[in-house]
Each structure stands twice: as C-alpha cells, then as structure tokens.
Amino acid sequence: MKPYWSPYAVGVGLGLTLLTTYVLMGFGLGASGAFTHVAAHLEGAVSPARAQANSYIAGYLEAGRLWAQWVVVEMAGVVVGGFLGAWSAGRLGWRFEKGSRIGWGRRLLFAFVGGATVGFASRVAQGCTSGLALSGSAVLSPGAWAFTLAFMTGGFVTARIVRRAWR
C-alpha cells in the first residue's frame, strides 16, 4: 500500500477546487443537497402525489432533472474520485474497522447514530460541513466561522469520549 497523501497537499488541493468552483460556477462546494435531491426524486418516483403535496420536497422536484443539478454531479465525482484514489493507492477493498473494545453491533450502531445525526443536522442547518465550513468560511461569513469553531470543538470532545471504546 502506498502512504496517505499529505494533509497539507490535500488542503491546498481542496482550496484550489473551492476557488475554481466559485470562479467557474459562481458558488462553492456542498454535499448534503445532493442527497436531498436524490431522496426527493426517489419519493417522486415512488409516490408522486405525496411528493408534490410536500412543499419541501416539491421544491427540489421543481429544480429540474436530477443530473442537471450541480451538487449531484459534484457528489458523483466525489464517489468516482474516492474510488480512483483508493485504487491508485492500493487501498481499495472492503474493510470493517473497529477498535478492540467495541463489538461489531456497537460499532454499526455508533456509525448509524452518528450518520443520522449529521444528516438530520445538515438539513436543519440547510447545509453540511463542506457547504457551511468550506464555502461559507471562504466568503468570510461570520456564521460559517462560528459553525466551524463549534463543530471542530464538538469533534474534539466526541473523539476524546469515543477514543476509549476504539482502543
């Protein structure tokens, strides 16, 4: 296996990607909107009447075709890029990582609860960490800087608590 990329090089690359999206597209990066578009279109396919009756979901359906949404194409690129990056580094494979003090069931529970919490919070905040922290901070939004400070602090506190179960 090849070593991981330098976090500094990745940070510079991410910054240049963010700058490029602002210059070419007129807005920054995001992720949670893609999942909302996909969920809305799935509900529209399964239950069109119910989807149209929900003003939140109907707004996403009115935005147009799924693949015409920049954020959906962006997230497809993230998936393809992640796959190619893992493959090129010799790290592509199915793994289930956990600490020695935590069982499979508890690990899956932590992953599910954490993912659901972040997903719910990103919809309440109307944006995810990439949209709020990266794109918002890039345009010097005070709210984005406050959010970034809060989620980084929360991450450090949570890591200290969960670290004991992971070892």
C-alpha atoms as a PDB file:
ATOM      1  CA  MET A   1       0.000   0.000   0.000  1.00  0.00           C
ATOM      2  CA  LYS A   2       1.129   3.499  -0.777  1.00  0.00           C
ATOM      3  CA  PRO A   3       1.138   6.056   2.064  1.00  0.00           C
ATOM      4  CA  TYR A   4      -1.710   8.514   2.500  1.00  0.00           C
ATOM      5  CA  TRP A   5      -1.382  11.880   0.823  1.00  0.00           C
ATOM      6  CA  SER A   6      -0.018  14.755   2.859  1.00  0.00           C
ATOM      7  CA  PRO A   7      -2.897  16.563   4.583  1.00  0.00           C
ATOM      8  CA  TYR A   8      -1.262  19.851   3.582  1.00  0.00           C
ATOM      9  CA  ALA A   9      -1.241  18.916  -0.097  1.00  0.00           C
ATOM     10  CA  VAL A  10      -4.854  17.773   0.169  1.00  0.00           C
ATOM     11  CA  GLY A  11      -5.782  21.053   1.896  1.00  0.00           C
ATOM     12  CA  VAL A  12      -4.181  23.081  -0.892  1.00  0.00           C
ATOM     13  CA  GLY A  13      -5.959  20.921  -3.489  1.00  0.00           C
ATOM     14  CA  LEU A  14      -9.286  21.363  -1.737  1.00  0.00           C
ATOM     15  CA  GLY A  15      -8.753  25.113  -1.532  1.00  0.00           C
ATOM     16  CA  LEU A  16      -7.957  25.305  -5.241  1.00  0.00           C
ATOM     17  CA  THR A  17     -11.027  23.182  -6.023  1.00  0.00           C
ATOM     18  CA  LEU A  18     -13.194  25.524  -3.947  1.00  0.00           C
ATOM     19  CA  LEU A  19     -11.709  28.586  -5.663  1.00  0.00           C
ATOM     20  CA  THR A  20     -12.315  27.002  -9.065  1.00  0.00           C
ATOM     21  CA  THR A  21     -15.976  26.280  -8.295  1.00  0.00           C
ATOM     22  CA  TYR A  22     -16.509  29.887  -7.214  1.00  0.00           C
ATOM     23  CA  VAL A  23     -14.826  31.212 -10.357  1.00  0.00           C
ATOM     24  CA  LEU A  24     -16.473  28.827 -12.852  1.00  0.00           C
ATOM     25  CA  MET A  25     -19.851  28.076 -11.227  1.00  0.00           C
ATOM     26  CA  GLY A  26     -20.466  31.115  -9.034  1.00  0.00           C
ATOM     27  CA  PHE A  27     -20.893  29.101  -5.805  1.00  0.00           C
ATOM     28  CA  GLY A  28     -18.888  26.816  -3.554  1.00  0.00           C
ATOM     29  CA  LEU A  29     -18.839  23.169  -2.617  1.00  0.00           C
ATOM     30  CA  GLY A  30     -21.526  21.219  -0.797  1.00  0.00           C
ATOM     31  CA  ALA A  31     -22.758  17.678  -0.345  1.00  0.00           C
ATOM     32  CA  SER A  32     -25.989  17.344   1.618  1.00  0.00           C
ATOM     33  CA  GLY A  33     -28.065  18.964  -1.125  1.00  0.00           C
ATOM     34  CA  ALA A  34     -27.193  16.078  -3.451  1.00  0.00           C
ATOM     35  CA  PHE A  35     -28.655  13.557  -1.036  1.00  0.00           C
ATOM     36  CA  THR A  36     -31.758  15.709  -0.627  1.00  0.00           C
ATOM     37  CA  HIS A  37     -32.202  15.919  -4.413  1.00  0.00           C
ATOM     38  CA  VAL A  38     -31.830  12.139  -4.730  1.00  0.00           C
ATOM     39  CA  ALA A  39     -34.261  11.471  -1.845  1.00  0.00           C
ATOM     40  CA  ALA A  40     -36.819  13.886  -3.300  1.00  0.00           C
ATOM     41  CA  HIS A  41     -36.598  12.272  -6.739  1.00  0.00           C
ATOM     42  CA  LEU A  42     -36.914   8.800  -5.219  1.00  0.00           C
ATOM     43  CA  GLU A  43     -40.050   9.852  -3.358  1.00  0.00           C
ATOM     44  CA  GLY A  44     -41.319  11.498  -6.532  1.00  0.00           C
ATOM     45  CA  ALA A  45     -40.864   8.195  -8.371  1.00  0.00           C
ATOM     46  CA  VAL A  46     -42.476   6.071  -5.641  1.00  0.00           C
ATOM     47  CA  SER A  47     -45.283   8.398  -4.571  1.00  0.00           C
ATOM     48  CA  PRO A  48     -45.639  11.403  -6.918  1.00  0.00           C
ATOM     49  CA  ALA A  49     -48.787  12.786  -5.268  1.00  0.00           C
ATOM     50  CA  ARG A  50     -47.268  12.697  -1.806  1.00  0.00           C
ATOM     51  CA  ALA A  51     -44.018  14.292  -3.036  1.00  0.00           C
ATOM     52  CA  GLN A  52     -45.886  17.150  -4.752  1.00  0.00           C
ATOM     53  CA  ALA A  53     -48.017  17.713  -1.625  1.00  0.00           C
ATOM     54  CA  ASN A  54     -44.892  18.272   0.471  1.00  0.00           C
ATOM     55  CA  SER A  55     -43.653  21.804  -0.232  1.00  0.00           C
ATOM     56  CA  TYR A  56     -40.108  20.990   0.901  1.00  0.00           C
ATOM     57  CA  ILE A  57     -39.765  18.017  -1.447  1.00  0.00           C
ATOM     58  CA  ALA A  58     -41.725  19.671  -4.258  1.00  0.00           C
ATOM     59  CA  GLY A  59     -39.174  22.490  -4.296  1.00  0.00           C
ATOM     60  CA  TYR A  60     -36.406  20.014  -5.077  1.00  0.00           C
ATOM     61  CA  LEU A  61     -38.506  18.365  -7.772  1.00  0.00           C
ATOM     62  CA  GLU A  62     -39.222  21.741  -9.389  1.00  0.00           C
ATOM     63  CA  ALA A  63     -35.472  22.382  -9.637  1.00  0.00           C
ATOM     64  CA  GLY A  64     -35.420  20.028 -12.628  1.00  0.00           C
ATOM     65  CA  ARG A  65     -33.778  16.807 -13.660  1.00  0.00           C
ATOM     66  CA  LEU A  66     -31.564  15.113 -11.112  1.00  0.00           C
ATOM     67  CA  TRP A  67     -28.414  15.051 -13.262  1.00  0.00           C
ATOM     68  CA  ALA A  68     -28.855  18.722 -14.153  1.00  0.00           C
ATOM     69  CA  GLN A  69     -28.126  19.674 -10.527  1.00  0.00           C
ATOM     70  CA  TRP A  70     -24.511  20.725  -9.988  1.00  0.00           C
ATOM     71  CA  VAL A  71     -24.345  19.301  -6.448  1.00  0.00           C
ATOM     72  CA  VAL A  72     -25.488  15.841  -7.654  1.00  0.00           C
ATOM     73  CA  VAL A  73     -22.813  15.786 -10.361  1.00  0.00           C
ATOM     74  CA  GLU A  74     -20.272  17.016  -7.789  1.00  0.00           C
ATOM     75  CA  MET A  75     -21.083  14.146  -5.396  1.00  0.00           C
ATOM     76  CA  ALA A  76     -20.908  11.608  -8.224  1.00  0.00           C
ATOM     77  CA  GLY A  77     -17.414  12.983  -8.873  1.00  0.00           C
ATOM     78  CA  VAL A  78     -16.546  12.562  -5.190  1.00  0.00           C
ATOM     79  CA  VAL A  79     -17.572   8.885  -5.347  1.00  0.00           C
ATOM     80  CA  VAL A  80     -15.626   8.259  -8.564  1.00  0.00           C
ATOM     81  CA  GLY A  81     -12.617  10.214  -7.261  1.00  0.00           C
ATOM     82  CA  GLY A  82     -12.623   8.322  -3.968  1.00  0.00           C
ATOM     83  CA  PHE A  83     -12.746   5.021  -5.810  1.00  0.00           C
ATOM     84  CA  LEU A  84      -9.909   6.003  -8.148  1.00  0.00           C
ATOM     85  CA  GLY A  85      -7.836   7.385  -5.274  1.00  0.00           C
ATOM     86  CA  ALA A  86      -8.188   4.181  -3.227  1.00  0.00           C
ATOM     87  CA  TRP A  87      -7.483   2.023  -6.278  1.00  0.00           C
ATOM     88  CA  SER A  88      -4.384   4.008  -7.289  1.00  0.00           C
ATOM     89  CA  ALA A  89      -3.005   3.822  -3.727  1.00  0.00           C
ATOM     90  CA  GLY A  90      -3.576   0.084  -3.485  1.00  0.00           C
ATOM     91  CA  ARG A  91      -6.103   0.596  -0.680  1.00  0.00           C
ATOM     92  CA  LEU A  92      -9.267  -0.459  -2.491  1.00  0.00           C
ATOM     93  CA  GLY A  93     -11.097  -3.198  -0.638  1.00  0.00           C
ATOM     94  CA  TRP A  94     -13.921  -3.981   1.740  1.00  0.00           C
ATOM     95  CA  ARG A  95     -12.903  -3.447   5.354  1.00  0.00           C
ATOM     96  CA  PHE A  96     -14.801  -3.089   8.567  1.00  0.00           C
ATOM     97  CA  GLU A  97     -12.642  -1.229  11.033  1.00  0.00           C
ATOM     98  CA  LYS A  98     -13.296  -1.167  14.748  1.00  0.00           C
ATOM     99  CA  GLY A  99     -11.390  -0.946  17.996  1.00  0.00           C
ATOM    100  CA  SER A 100     -10.633  -3.949  20.173  1.00  0.00           C
ATOM    101  CA  ARG A 101     -13.004  -2.767  22.935  1.00  0.00           C
ATOM    102  CA  ILE A 102     -16.055  -2.439  20.723  1.00  0.00           C
ATOM    103  CA  GLY A 103     -18.136  -5.166  19.116  1.00  0.00           C
ATOM    104  CA  TRP A 104     -19.475  -5.212  15.570  1.00  0.00           C
ATOM    105  CA  GLY A 105     -23.022  -4.353  16.621  1.00  0.00           C
ATOM    106  CA  ARG A 106     -21.997  -1.394  18.753  1.00  0.00           C
ATOM    107  CA  ARG A 107     -19.690  -0.125  16.002  1.00  0.00           C
ATOM    108  CA  LEU A 108     -22.526  -0.249  13.488  1.00  0.00           C
ATOM    109  CA  LEU A 109     -24.856   1.452  15.987  1.00  0.00           C
ATOM    110  CA  PHE A 110     -22.324   4.274  16.521  1.00  0.00           C
ATOM    111  CA  ALA A 111     -21.911   4.682  12.763  1.00  0.00           C
ATOM    112  CA  PHE A 112     -25.668   4.740  12.149  1.00  0.00           C
ATOM    113  CA  VAL A 113     -26.456   7.158  15.007  1.00  0.00           C
ATOM    114  CA  GLY A 114     -23.579   9.442  14.031  1.00  0.00           C
ATOM    115  CA  GLY A 115     -24.539   9.443  10.352  1.00  0.00           C
ATOM    116  CA  ALA A 116     -28.229  10.017  11.085  1.00  0.00           C
ATOM    117  CA  THR A 117     -27.406  12.862  13.473  1.00  0.00           C
ATOM    118  CA  VAL A 118     -25.169  14.595  10.942  1.00  0.00           C
ATOM    119  CA  GLY A 119     -27.725  14.057   8.158  1.00  0.00           C
ATOM    120  CA  PHE A 120     -30.563  15.496  10.249  1.00  0.00           C
ATOM    121  CA  ALA A 121     -28.461  18.426  11.452  1.00  0.00           C
ATOM    122  CA  SER A 122     -27.347  19.269   7.916  1.00  0.00           C
ATOM    123  CA  ARG A 123     -30.948  19.593   6.808  1.00  0.00           C
ATOM    124  CA  VAL A 124     -31.855  21.709   9.855  1.00  0.00           C
ATOM    125  CA  ALA A 125     -28.841  23.941   9.158  1.00  0.00           C
ATOM    126  CA  GLN A 126     -29.642  23.888   5.420  1.00  0.00           C
ATOM    127  CA  GLY A 127     -26.116  22.787   4.634  1.00  0.00           C
ATOM    128  CA  CYS A 128     -23.401  20.347   5.569  1.00  0.00           C
ATOM    129  CA  THR A 129     -19.901  20.904   6.884  1.00  0.00           C
ATOM    130  CA  SER A 130     -18.497  21.305   3.388  1.00  0.00           C
ATOM    131  CA  GLY A 131     -21.102  23.890   2.470  1.00  0.00           C
ATOM    132  CA  LEU A 132     -21.028  25.770   5.753  1.00  0.00           C
ATOM    133  CA  ALA A 133     -17.409  25.448   6.825  1.00  0.00           C
ATOM    134  CA  LEU A 134     -15.585  25.435   3.498  1.00  0.00           C
ATOM    135  CA  SER A 135     -17.732  27.571   1.243  1.00  0.00           C
ATOM    136  CA  GLY A 136     -19.100  29.834   3.986  1.00  0.00           C
ATOM    137  CA  SER A 137     -15.700  30.445   5.549  1.00  0.00           C
ATOM    138  CA  ALA A 138     -14.199  31.147   2.125  1.00  0.00           C
ATOM    139  CA  VAL A 139     -16.552  34.107   1.723  1.00  0.00           C
ATOM    140  CA  LEU A 140     -15.807  35.211   5.316  1.00  0.00           C
ATOM    141  CA  SER A 141     -19.294  34.529   6.667  1.00  0.00           C
ATOM    142  CA  PRO A 142     -19.292  35.071  10.471  1.00  0.00           C
ATOM    143  CA  GLY A 143     -21.934  32.344  10.866  1.00  0.00           C
ATOM    144  CA  ALA A 144     -19.759  29.879   8.970  1.00  0.00           C
ATOM    145  CA  TRP A 145     -16.764  30.679  11.168  1.00  0.00           C
ATOM    146  CA  ALA A 146     -18.898  30.217  14.318  1.00  0.00           C
ATOM    147  CA  PHE A 147     -20.191  26.910  12.935  1.00  0.00           C
ATOM    148  CA  THR A 148     -16.679  25.723  12.097  1.00  0.00           C
ATOM    149  CA  LEU A 149     -15.455  26.537  15.608  1.00  0.00           C
ATOM    150  CA  ALA A 150     -18.469  24.745  17.154  1.00  0.00           C
ATOM    151  CA  PHE A 151     -18.227  21.580  15.050  1.00  0.00           C
ATOM    152  CA  MET A 152     -14.458  21.310  15.466  1.00  0.00           C
ATOM    153  CA  THR A 153     -14.826  21.712  19.239  1.00  0.00           C
ATOM    154  CA  GLY A 154     -17.607  19.116  19.258  1.00  0.00           C
ATOM    155  CA  GLY A 155     -15.466  16.772  17.201  1.00  0.00           C
ATOM    156  CA  PHE A 156     -12.517  17.029  19.585  1.00  0.00           C
ATOM    157  CA  VAL A 157     -14.752  16.420  22.630  1.00  0.00           C
ATOM    158  CA  THR A 158     -16.514  13.483  20.971  1.00  0.00           C
ATOM    159  CA  ALA A 159     -13.182  11.986  19.872  1.00  0.00           C
ATOM    160  CA  ARG A 160     -11.939  12.030  23.462  1.00  0.00           C
ATOM    161  CA  ILE A 161     -15.076  10.223  24.632  1.00  0.00           C
ATOM    162  CA  VAL A 162     -15.185   7.642  21.829  1.00  0.00           C
ATOM    163  CA  ARG A 163     -11.412   7.037  21.746  1.00  0.00           C
ATOM    164  CA  ARG A 164     -11.637   4.799  24.830  1.00  0.00           C
ATOM    165  CA  ALA A 165     -14.045   2.444  23.035  1.00  0.00           C
ATOM    166  CA  TRP A 166     -11.903   2.402  19.914  1.00  0.00           C
ATOM    167  CA  ARG A 167      -8.652   1.225  21.532  1.00  0.00           C
END
